[in-house]
Amino acid sequence: MAKYDGLHEHLRRRSGDVEMSFEEVSDLVPGGLPSSAHRYSAWWSNDDRTHSQSRSWSDAGFSAHPDIARQRVHFEPQS
């Protein structure tokens, strides 16, 4: 099982926008989110398909839009 499979499966079963706290995302990831996810919006990049975290939401049909200050992420369906 890949590290971000739980997040992928969670999003794959959703339709429409999905709003989650970083803590909720962390609960789906073995070992939790890395500290960089809590500090840098670049970690949530939608353009870099070389990182497993971005593939997890992209392959589920979503793009990620983090709010670092609020520690939340908005997943928006890709069109």
PDB file of N, CA and C in Angstrom:
ATOM      1  N   MET A   1       0.850  -1.184   0.000  1.00  0.00           N
ATOM      2  CA  MET A   1       0.000   0.000   0.000  1.00  0.00           C
ATOM      3  C   MET A   1       0.891   1.240   0.000  1.00  0.00           C
ATOM      4  N   ALA A   2       0.612   2.152  -0.909  1.00  0.00           N
ATOM      5  CA  ALA A   2       1.351   3.404  -0.969  1.00  0.00           C
ATOM      6  C   ALA A   2       0.888   4.329   0.159  1.00  0.00           C
ATOM      7  N   LYS A   3       1.754   5.205   0.579  1.00  0.00           N
ATOM      8  CA  LYS A   3       1.488   6.064   1.732  1.00  0.00           C
ATOM      9  C   LYS A   3       0.188   6.856   1.607  1.00  0.00           C
ATOM     10  N   TYR A   4      -0.122   7.368   0.426  1.00  0.00           N
ATOM     11  CA  TYR A   4      -1.287   8.250   0.276  1.00  0.00           C
ATOM     12  C   TYR A   4      -2.512   7.549  -0.327  1.00  0.00           C
ATOM     13  N   ASP A   5      -2.511   6.216  -0.322  1.00  0.00           N
ATOM     14  CA  ASP A   5      -3.668   5.469  -0.840  1.00  0.00           C
ATOM     15  C   ASP A   5      -4.951   5.771  -0.072  1.00  0.00           C
ATOM     16  N   GLY A   6      -4.851   5.945   1.232  1.00  0.00           N
ATOM     17  CA  GLY A   6      -6.045   6.242   2.032  1.00  0.00           C
ATOM     18  C   GLY A   6      -6.693   7.552   1.629  1.00  0.00           C
ATOM     19  N   LEU A   7      -5.884   8.560   1.367  1.00  0.00           N
ATOM     20  CA  LEU A   7      -6.402   9.849   0.898  1.00  0.00           C
ATOM     21  C   LEU A   7      -7.013   9.697  -0.484  1.00  0.00           C
ATOM     22  N   HIS A   8      -6.324   8.975  -1.352  1.00  0.00           N
ATOM     23  CA  HIS A   8      -6.841   8.739  -2.709  1.00  0.00           C
ATOM     24  C   HIS A   8      -8.219   8.077  -2.655  1.00  0.00           C
ATOM     25  N   GLU A   9      -8.337   7.021  -1.873  1.00  0.00           N
ATOM     26  CA  GLU A   9      -9.607   6.296  -1.784  1.00  0.00           C
ATOM     27  C   GLU A   9     -10.709   7.168  -1.179  1.00  0.00           C
ATOM     28  N   HIS A  10     -10.359   7.940  -0.174  1.00  0.00           N
ATOM     29  CA  HIS A  10     -11.335   8.844   0.446  1.00  0.00           C
ATOM     30  C   HIS A  10     -11.885   9.823  -0.593  1.00  0.00           C
ATOM     31  N   LEU A  11     -11.007  10.421  -1.380  1.00  0.00           N
ATOM     32  CA  LEU A  11     -11.442  11.385  -2.393  1.00  0.00           C
ATOM     33  C   LEU A  11     -12.155  10.715  -3.551  1.00  0.00           C
ATOM     34  N   ARG A  12     -11.694   9.549  -3.937  1.00  0.00           N
ATOM     35  CA  ARG A  12     -12.302   8.831  -5.067  1.00  0.00           C
ATOM     36  C   ARG A  12     -13.778   8.543  -4.832  1.00  0.00           C
ATOM     37  N   ARG A  13     -14.149   8.368  -3.583  1.00  0.00           N
ATOM     38  CA  ARG A  13     -15.540   8.067  -3.242  1.00  0.00           C
ATOM     39  C   ARG A  13     -16.403   9.326  -3.111  1.00  0.00           C
ATOM     40  N   ARG A  14     -15.804  10.496  -3.310  1.00  0.00           N
ATOM     41  CA  ARG A  14     -16.530  11.757  -3.145  1.00  0.00           C
ATOM     42  C   ARG A  14     -16.866  12.366  -4.500  1.00  0.00           C
ATOM     43  N   SER A  15     -17.902  13.178  -4.500  1.00  0.00           N
ATOM     44  CA  SER A  15     -18.215  13.989  -5.674  1.00  0.00           C
ATOM     45  C   SER A  15     -18.398  15.415  -5.181  1.00  0.00           C
ATOM     46  N   GLY A  16     -18.058  16.357  -5.995  1.00  0.00           N
ATOM     47  CA  GLY A  16     -18.147  17.747  -5.573  1.00  0.00           C
ATOM     48  C   GLY A  16     -16.953  18.138  -4.723  1.00  0.00           C
ATOM     49  N   ASP A  17     -16.992  19.354  -4.221  1.00  0.00           N
ATOM     50  CA  ASP A  17     -15.896  19.891  -3.419  1.00  0.00           C
ATOM     51  C   ASP A  17     -15.777  19.147  -2.088  1.00  0.00           C
ATOM     52  N   VAL A  18     -14.534  19.010  -1.626  1.00  0.00           N
ATOM     53  CA  VAL A  18     -14.253  18.350  -0.350  1.00  0.00           C
ATOM     54  C   VAL A  18     -13.359  19.277   0.463  1.00  0.00           C
ATOM     55  N   GLU A  19     -13.802  19.655   1.644  1.00  0.00           N
ATOM     56  CA  GLU A  19     -13.042  20.498   2.565  1.00  0.00           C
ATOM     57  C   GLU A  19     -12.598  19.632   3.732  1.00  0.00           C
ATOM     58  N   MET A  20     -11.289  19.668   4.036  1.00  0.00           N
ATOM     59  CA  MET A  20     -10.758  18.847   5.120  1.00  0.00           C
ATOM     60  C   MET A  20      -9.738  19.642   5.914  1.00  0.00           C
ATOM     61  N   SER A  21      -9.652  19.327   7.198  1.00  0.00           N
ATOM     62  CA  SER A  21      -8.570  19.885   7.999  1.00  0.00           C
ATOM     63  C   SER A  21      -7.313  19.065   7.702  1.00  0.00           C
ATOM     64  N   PHE A  22      -6.163  19.642   7.963  1.00  0.00           N
ATOM     65  CA  PHE A  22      -4.927  18.893   7.796  1.00  0.00           C
ATOM     66  C   PHE A  22      -4.929  17.673   8.723  1.00  0.00           C
ATOM     67  N   GLU A  23      -5.540  17.814   9.878  1.00  0.00           N
ATOM     68  CA  GLU A  23      -5.630  16.692  10.814  1.00  0.00           C
ATOM     69  C   GLU A  23      -6.444  15.546  10.211  1.00  0.00           C
ATOM     70  N   GLU A  24      -7.552  15.870   9.543  1.00  0.00           N
ATOM     71  CA  GLU A  24      -8.368  14.833   8.905  1.00  0.00           C
ATOM     72  C   GLU A  24      -7.584  14.133   7.796  1.00  0.00           C
ATOM     73  N   VAL A  25      -6.843  14.901   7.012  1.00  0.00           N
ATOM     74  CA  VAL A  25      -6.010  14.300   5.969  1.00  0.00           C
ATOM     75  C   VAL A  25      -4.947  13.429   6.620  1.00  0.00           C
ATOM     76  N   SER A  26      -4.330  13.934   7.655  1.00  0.00           N
ATOM     77  CA  SER A  26      -3.273  13.210   8.357  1.00  0.00           C
ATOM     78  C   SER A  26      -3.759  11.856   8.878  1.00  0.00           C
ATOM     79  N   ASP A  27      -5.006  11.797   9.314  1.00  0.00           N
ATOM     80  CA  ASP A  27      -5.575  10.539   9.813  1.00  0.00           C
ATOM     81  C   ASP A  27      -5.667   9.471   8.722  1.00  0.00           C
ATOM     82  N   LEU A  28      -5.676   9.881   7.454  1.00  0.00           N
ATOM     83  CA  LEU A  28      -5.774   8.942   6.334  1.00  0.00           C
ATOM     84  C   LEU A  28      -4.406   8.483   5.834  1.00  0.00           C
ATOM     85  N   VAL A  29      -3.344   9.077   6.374  1.00  0.00           N
ATOM     86  CA  VAL A  29      -1.983   8.832   5.892  1.00  0.00           C
ATOM     87  C   VAL A  29      -1.177   8.128   6.986  1.00  0.00           C
ATOM     88  N   PRO A  30      -0.686   6.913   6.730  1.00  0.00           N
ATOM     89  CA  PRO A  30       0.130   6.241   7.735  1.00  0.00           C
ATOM     90  C   PRO A  30       1.323   7.123   8.137  1.00  0.00           C
ATOM     91  N   GLY A  31       1.456   7.351   9.416  1.00  0.00           N
ATOM     92  CA  GLY A  31       2.531   8.213   9.907  1.00  0.00           C
ATOM     93  C   GLY A  31       2.189   9.690   9.864  1.00  0.00           C
ATOM     94  N   GLY A  32       1.020  10.025   9.330  1.00  0.00           N
ATOM     95  CA  GLY A  32       0.573  11.415   9.279  1.00  0.00           C
ATOM     96  C   GLY A  32       1.249  12.218   8.184  1.00  0.00           C
ATOM     97  N   LEU A  33       0.844  13.471   8.082  1.00  0.00           N
ATOM     98  CA  LEU A  33       1.435  14.378   7.101  1.00  0.00           C
ATOM     99  C   LEU A  33       2.805  14.850   7.581  1.00  0.00           C
ATOM    100  N   PRO A  34       3.715  15.112   6.658  1.00  0.00           N
ATOM    101  CA  PRO A  34       5.006  15.659   7.068  1.00  0.00           C
ATOM    102  C   PRO A  34       4.843  17.112   7.528  1.00  0.00           C
ATOM    103  N   SER A  35       5.778  17.588   8.301  1.00  0.00           N
ATOM    104  CA  SER A  35       5.694  18.964   8.798  1.00  0.00           C
ATOM    105  C   SER A  35       5.651  19.977   7.661  1.00  0.00           C
ATOM    106  N   SER A  36       6.265  19.670   6.533  1.00  0.00           N
ATOM    107  CA  SER A  36       6.250  20.596   5.397  1.00  0.00           C
ATOM    108  C   SER A  36       4.836  20.823   4.869  1.00  0.00           C
ATOM    109  N   ALA A  37       3.943  19.847   5.008  1.00  0.00           N
ATOM    110  CA  ALA A  37       2.557  20.017   4.568  1.00  0.00           C
ATOM    111  C   ALA A  37       1.834  21.062   5.407  1.00  0.00           C
ATOM    112  N   HIS A  38       2.264  21.216   6.641  1.00  0.00           N
ATOM    113  CA  HIS A  38       1.650  22.183   7.547  1.00  0.00           C
ATOM    114  C   HIS A  38       2.225  23.598   7.376  1.00  0.00           C
ATOM    115  N   ARG A  39       3.387  23.685   6.735  1.00  0.00           N
ATOM    116  CA  ARG A  39       4.074  24.979   6.634  1.00  0.00           C
ATOM    117  C   ARG A  39       4.138  25.573   5.242  1.00  0.00           C
ATOM    118  N   TYR A  40       4.100  24.737   4.201  1.00  0.00           N
ATOM    119  CA  TYR A  40       4.360  25.220   2.841  1.00  0.00           C
ATOM    120  C   TYR A  40       3.237  24.837   1.883  1.00  0.00           C
ATOM    121  N   SER A  41       2.645  25.822   1.265  1.00  0.00           N
ATOM    122  CA  SER A  41       1.596  25.528   0.285  1.00  0.00           C
ATOM    123  C   SER A  41       2.149  24.769  -0.918  1.00  0.00           C
ATOM    124  N   ALA A  42       3.446  24.914  -1.193  1.00  0.00           N
ATOM    125  CA  ALA A  42       4.057  24.197  -2.318  1.00  0.00           C
ATOM    126  C   ALA A  42       3.941  22.680  -2.153  1.00  0.00           C
ATOM    127  N   TRP A  43       3.869  22.191  -0.922  1.00  0.00           N
ATOM    128  CA  TRP A  43       3.716  20.753  -0.705  1.00  0.00           C
ATOM    129  C   TRP A  43       2.428  20.257  -1.355  1.00  0.00           C
ATOM    130  N   TRP A  44       1.433  21.125  -1.427  1.00  0.00           N
ATOM    131  CA  TRP A  44       0.119  20.785  -1.975  1.00  0.00           C
ATOM    132  C   TRP A  44       0.018  21.065  -3.472  1.00  0.00           C
ATOM    133  N   SER A  45       1.144  21.258  -4.130  1.00  0.00           N
ATOM    134  CA  SER A  45       1.182  21.595  -5.549  1.00  0.00           C
ATOM    135  C   SER A  45       0.390  20.596  -6.384  1.00  0.00           C
ATOM    136  N   ASN A  46      -0.318  21.115  -7.356  1.00  0.00           N
ATOM    137  CA  ASN A  46      -1.079  20.278  -8.288  1.00  0.00           C
ATOM    138  C   ASN A  46      -0.309  20.030  -9.578  1.00  0.00           C
ATOM    139  N   ASP A  47       0.775  20.721  -9.768  1.00  0.00           N
ATOM    140  CA  ASP A  47       1.517  20.642 -11.027  1.00  0.00           C
ATOM    141  C   ASP A  47       2.591  19.581 -11.036  1.00  0.00           C
ATOM    142  N   ASP A  48       3.048  19.165  -9.904  1.00  0.00           N
ATOM    143  CA  ASP A  48       4.176  18.255  -9.827  1.00  0.00           C
ATOM    144  C   ASP A  48       3.703  16.822  -9.638  1.00  0.00           C
ATOM    145  N   ARG A  49       3.523  16.109 -10.722  1.00  0.00           N
ATOM    146  CA  ARG A  49       3.018  14.735 -10.659  1.00  0.00           C
ATOM    147  C   ARG A  49       4.102  13.743 -10.247  1.00  0.00           C
ATOM    148  N   THR A  50       5.294  14.231  -9.939  1.00  0.00           N
ATOM    149  CA  THR A  50       6.358  13.314  -9.507  1.00  0.00           C
ATOM    150  C   THR A  50       6.254  12.989  -8.026  1.00  0.00           C
ATOM    151  N   HIS A  51       5.385  13.668  -7.301  1.00  0.00           N
ATOM    152  CA  HIS A  51       5.222  13.419  -5.868  1.00  0.00           C
ATOM    153  C   HIS A  51       3.955  12.612  -5.608  1.00  0.00           C
ATOM    154  N   SER A  52       4.100  11.618  -4.757  1.00  0.00           N
ATOM    155  CA  SER A  52       2.981  10.708  -4.511  1.00  0.00           C
ATOM    156  C   SER A  52       1.775  11.406  -3.916  1.00  0.00           C
ATOM    157  N   GLN A  53       1.979  12.456  -3.095  1.00  0.00           N
ATOM    158  CA  GLN A  53       0.820  13.128  -2.523  1.00  0.00           C
ATOM    159  C   GLN A  53      -0.020  13.802  -3.609  1.00  0.00           C
ATOM    160  N   SER A  54       0.608  14.464  -4.571  1.00  0.00           N
ATOM    161  CA  SER A  54      -0.171  15.132  -5.619  1.00  0.00           C
ATOM    162  C   SER A  54      -0.843  14.118  -6.539  1.00  0.00           C
ATOM    163  N   ARG A  55      -0.191  12.979  -6.761  1.00  0.00           N
ATOM    164  CA  ARG A  55      -0.832  11.929  -7.557  1.00  0.00           C
ATOM    165  C   ARG A  55      -2.062  11.378  -6.854  1.00  0.00           C
ATOM    166  N   SER A  56      -2.042  11.342  -5.522  1.00  0.00           N
ATOM    167  CA  SER A  56      -3.176  10.754  -4.790  1.00  0.00           C
ATOM    168  C   SER A  56      -4.460  11.530  -5.061  1.00  0.00           C
ATOM    169  N   TRP A  57      -4.395  12.854  -5.049  1.00  0.00           N
ATOM    170  CA  TRP A  57      -5.622  13.611  -5.320  1.00  0.00           C
ATOM    171  C   TRP A  57      -5.857  13.807  -6.802  1.00  0.00           C
ATOM    172  N   SER A  58      -4.797  13.945  -7.598  1.00  0.00           N
ATOM    173  CA  SER A  58      -4.979  14.104  -9.047  1.00  0.00           C
ATOM    174  C   SER A  58      -5.614  12.873  -9.664  1.00  0.00           C
ATOM    175  N   ASP A  59      -5.119  11.699  -9.288  1.00  0.00           N
ATOM    176  CA  ASP A  59      -5.673  10.456  -9.835  1.00  0.00           C
ATOM    177  C   ASP A  59      -7.102  10.203  -9.359  1.00  0.00           C
ATOM    178  N   ALA A  60      -7.494  10.837  -8.256  1.00  0.00           N
ATOM    179  CA  ALA A  60      -8.878  10.730  -7.780  1.00  0.00           C
ATOM    180  C   ALA A  60      -9.764  11.786  -8.443  1.00  0.00           C
ATOM    181  N   GLY A  61      -9.157  12.669  -9.252  1.00  0.00           N
ATOM    182  CA  GLY A  61      -9.934  13.662  -9.992  1.00  0.00           C
ATOM    183  C   GLY A  61     -10.048  15.009  -9.313  1.00  0.00           C
ATOM    184  N   PHE A  62      -9.119  15.330  -8.415  1.00  0.00           N
ATOM    185  CA  PHE A  62      -9.196  16.575  -7.658  1.00  0.00           C
ATOM    186  C   PHE A  62      -7.925  17.407  -7.791  1.00  0.00           C
ATOM    187  N   SER A  63      -8.060  18.686  -7.514  1.00  0.00           N
ATOM    188  CA  SER A  63      -6.914  19.573  -7.306  1.00  0.00           C
ATOM    189  C   SER A  63      -7.000  20.078  -5.867  1.00  0.00           C
ATOM    190  N   ALA A  64      -5.839  20.361  -5.281  1.00  0.00           N
ATOM    191  CA  ALA A  64      -5.776  20.775  -3.875  1.00  0.00           C
ATOM    192  C   ALA A  64      -5.523  22.272  -3.773  1.00  0.00           C
ATOM    193  N   HIS A  65      -6.216  22.905  -2.823  1.00  0.00           N
ATOM    194  CA  HIS A  65      -6.076  24.337  -2.566  1.00  0.00           C
ATOM    195  C   HIS A  65      -5.964  24.525  -1.054  1.00  0.00           C
ATOM    196  N   PRO A  66      -4.717  24.574  -0.561  1.00  0.00           N
ATOM    197  CA  PRO A  66      -4.506  24.646   0.890  1.00  0.00           C
ATOM    198  C   PRO A  66      -4.674  26.050   1.456  1.00  0.00           C
ATOM    199  N   ASP A  67      -5.028  26.113   2.709  1.00  0.00           N
ATOM    200  CA  ASP A  67      -5.037  27.348   3.494  1.00  0.00           C
ATOM    201  C   ASP A  67      -4.146  27.051   4.701  1.00  0.00           C
ATOM    202  N   ILE A  68      -2.875  27.424   4.566  1.00  0.00           N
ATOM    203  CA  ILE A  68      -1.892  27.103   5.595  1.00  0.00           C
ATOM    204  C   ILE A  68      -2.268  27.755   6.927  1.00  0.00           C
ATOM    205  N   ALA A  69      -2.739  28.991   6.888  1.00  0.00           N
ATOM    206  CA  ALA A  69      -3.093  29.698   8.124  1.00  0.00           C
ATOM    207  C   ALA A  69      -4.190  28.972   8.896  1.00  0.00           C
ATOM    208  N   ARG A  70      -5.170  28.454   8.191  1.00  0.00           N
ATOM    209  CA  ARG A  70      -6.285  27.745   8.831  1.00  0.00           C
ATOM    210  C   ARG A  70      -6.033  26.246   8.990  1.00  0.00           C
ATOM    211  N   GLN A  71      -4.931  25.751   8.374  1.00  0.00           N
ATOM    212  CA  GLN A  71      -4.605  24.322   8.423  1.00  0.00           C
ATOM    213  C   GLN A  71      -5.739  23.494   7.836  1.00  0.00           C
ATOM    214  N   ARG A  72      -6.212  23.942   6.659  1.00  0.00           N
ATOM    215  CA  ARG A  72      -7.287  23.259   5.947  1.00  0.00           C
ATOM    216  C   ARG A  72      -6.922  23.169   4.466  1.00  0.00           C
ATOM    217  N   VAL A  73      -7.533  22.216   3.797  1.00  0.00           N
ATOM    218  CA  VAL A  73      -7.344  22.077   2.353  1.00  0.00           C
ATOM    219  C   VAL A  73      -8.704  21.860   1.700  1.00  0.00           C
ATOM    220  N   HIS A  74      -8.867  22.525   0.582  1.00  0.00           N
ATOM    221  CA  HIS A  74     -10.082  22.404  -0.223  1.00  0.00           C
ATOM    222  C   HIS A  74      -9.703  21.589  -1.456  1.00  0.00           C
ATOM    223  N   PHE A  75     -10.339  20.459  -1.645  1.00  0.00           N
ATOM    224  CA  PHE A  75     -10.137  19.642  -2.834  1.00  0.00           C
ATOM    225  C   PHE A  75     -11.279  19.947  -3.796  1.00  0.00           C
ATOM    226  N   GLU A  76     -10.917  20.364  -4.980  1.00  0.00           N
ATOM    227  CA  GLU A  76     -11.905  20.757  -5.992  1.00  0.00           C
ATOM    228  C   GLU A  76     -11.846  19.763  -7.144  1.00  0.00           C
ATOM    229  N   PRO A  77     -13.004  19.288  -7.618  1.00  0.00           N
ATOM    230  CA  PRO A  77     -12.994  18.361  -8.751  1.00  0.00           C
ATOM    231  C   PRO A  77     -12.358  19.025  -9.974  1.00  0.00           C
ATOM    232  N   GLN A  78     -11.547  18.249 -10.674  1.00  0.00           N
ATOM    233  CA  GLN A  78     -10.938  18.738 -11.907  1.00  0.00           C
ATOM    234  C   GLN A  78     -11.970  18.632 -13.016  1.00  0.00           C
ATOM    235  N   SER A  79     -11.946  19.599 -13.904  1.00  0.00           N
ATOM    236  CA  SER A  79     -12.905  19.524 -15.025  1.00  0.00           C
ATOM    237  C   SER A  79     -12.254  19.006 -16.279  1.00  0.00           C
TER     238      SER A  79
END
